[in-house]
Amino acid sequence: MAPAPGRRSGRPGRLGGMATLARPTRGRVIAGVCAAIADRFHWSRFLVRLIFVVSIVLPGPQFVLYIVLWILIPKRK
């Protein structure tokens, strides 16, 4: 039976059956931003990290965006 809307299901990082964006306390490399994004969208953590590292060589604010997300995404409890 599914939990009521707004109630936590039995799995960490999930709210009402939908994954929430929260940095994990385990399995992270630096701050857990890539792991949080991968967990939220059910992607491979390795793939998200690889895309981020490859994007660093492209011009743009990727590093600044990472720092901002580090500050904005809460830690998983």
Protein backbone atom coordinates (compact mmCIF):
# COMPACT_ATOMS: atom_id res chain seq x y z
CA MET A 1 0.00 0.00 0.00
CA ALA A 2 1.40 3.41 -0.97
CA PRO A 3 2.00 6.01 1.73
CA ALA A 4 -0.30 9.01 1.93
CA PRO A 5 0.86 12.11 0.04
CA GLY A 6 3.48 13.98 2.02
CA ARG A 7 4.30 10.95 4.15
CA ARG A 8 7.68 9.26 3.99
CA SER A 9 7.91 5.85 2.43
CA GLY A 10 10.28 3.28 3.91
CA ARG A 11 13.18 4.25 1.64
CA PRO A 12 15.57 7.09 2.44
CA GLY A 13 15.47 10.05 0.09
CA ARG A 14 11.93 9.34 -1.04
CA LEU A 15 8.85 11.39 -0.31
CA GLY A 16 5.47 10.03 -1.31
CA GLY A 17 7.07 7.68 -3.85
CA MET A 18 9.03 10.48 -5.56
CA ALA A 19 12.77 10.77 -5.02
CA THR A 20 13.80 13.99 -3.30
CA LEU A 21 16.95 15.94 -4.02
CA ALA A 22 19.20 15.40 -1.01
CA ARG A 23 22.94 14.83 -0.73
CA PRO A 24 23.70 11.33 0.58
CA THR A 25 25.86 10.83 3.65
CA ARG A 26 27.49 7.73 2.13
CA GLY A 27 28.76 7.00 -1.36
CA ARG A 28 29.69 10.57 -2.17
CA VAL A 29 33.02 11.68 -3.60
CA ILE A 30 33.29 15.39 -2.72
CA ALA A 31 30.01 16.85 -1.49
CA GLY A 32 27.45 14.44 -2.90
CA VAL A 33 25.95 16.80 -5.48
CA CYS A 34 26.39 14.41 -8.43
CA ALA A 35 25.18 11.48 -6.30
CA ALA A 36 22.08 13.47 -5.28
CA ILE A 37 21.26 14.29 -8.91
CA ALA A 38 21.84 10.68 -9.98
CA ASP A 39 19.66 9.31 -7.17
CA ARG A 40 16.88 11.81 -7.91
CA PHE A 41 16.61 10.83 -11.57
CA HIS A 42 17.55 7.14 -11.11
CA TRP A 43 20.73 7.52 -13.18
CA SER A 44 24.13 5.96 -12.64
CA ARG A 45 26.26 7.97 -10.20
CA PHE A 46 29.31 7.21 -12.33
CA LEU A 47 27.59 8.57 -15.45
CA VAL A 48 26.58 11.84 -13.75
CA ARG A 49 30.10 12.31 -12.36
CA LEU A 50 31.61 11.57 -15.77
CA ILE A 51 29.33 14.07 -17.50
CA PHE A 52 30.24 16.71 -14.92
CA VAL A 53 34.00 16.10 -15.26
CA VAL A 54 33.79 16.18 -19.07
CA SER A 55 31.72 19.38 -18.92
CA ILE A 56 34.46 21.10 -16.89
CA VAL A 57 36.61 21.38 -20.05
CA LEU A 58 33.78 23.24 -21.81
CA PRO A 59 33.44 26.98 -21.21
CA GLY A 60 30.81 27.87 -18.64
CA PRO A 61 30.07 28.15 -14.94
CA GLN A 62 30.01 24.42 -14.11
CA PHE A 63 32.30 24.70 -11.08
CA VAL A 64 30.37 27.67 -9.69
CA LEU A 65 27.10 25.78 -10.27
CA TYR A 66 28.51 22.81 -8.32
CA ILE A 67 29.36 25.07 -5.36
CA VAL A 68 25.89 26.66 -5.45
CA LEU A 69 24.20 23.24 -5.54
CA TRP A 70 26.45 22.09 -2.68
CA ILE A 71 25.04 24.94 -0.59
CA LEU A 72 21.40 24.60 -1.71
CA ILE A 73 20.87 20.81 -1.69
CA PRO A 74 20.28 19.62 1.88
CA LYS A 75 22.01 16.59 3.37
CA ARG A 76 19.96 13.41 3.54
CA LYS A 77 18.93 12.60 7.10
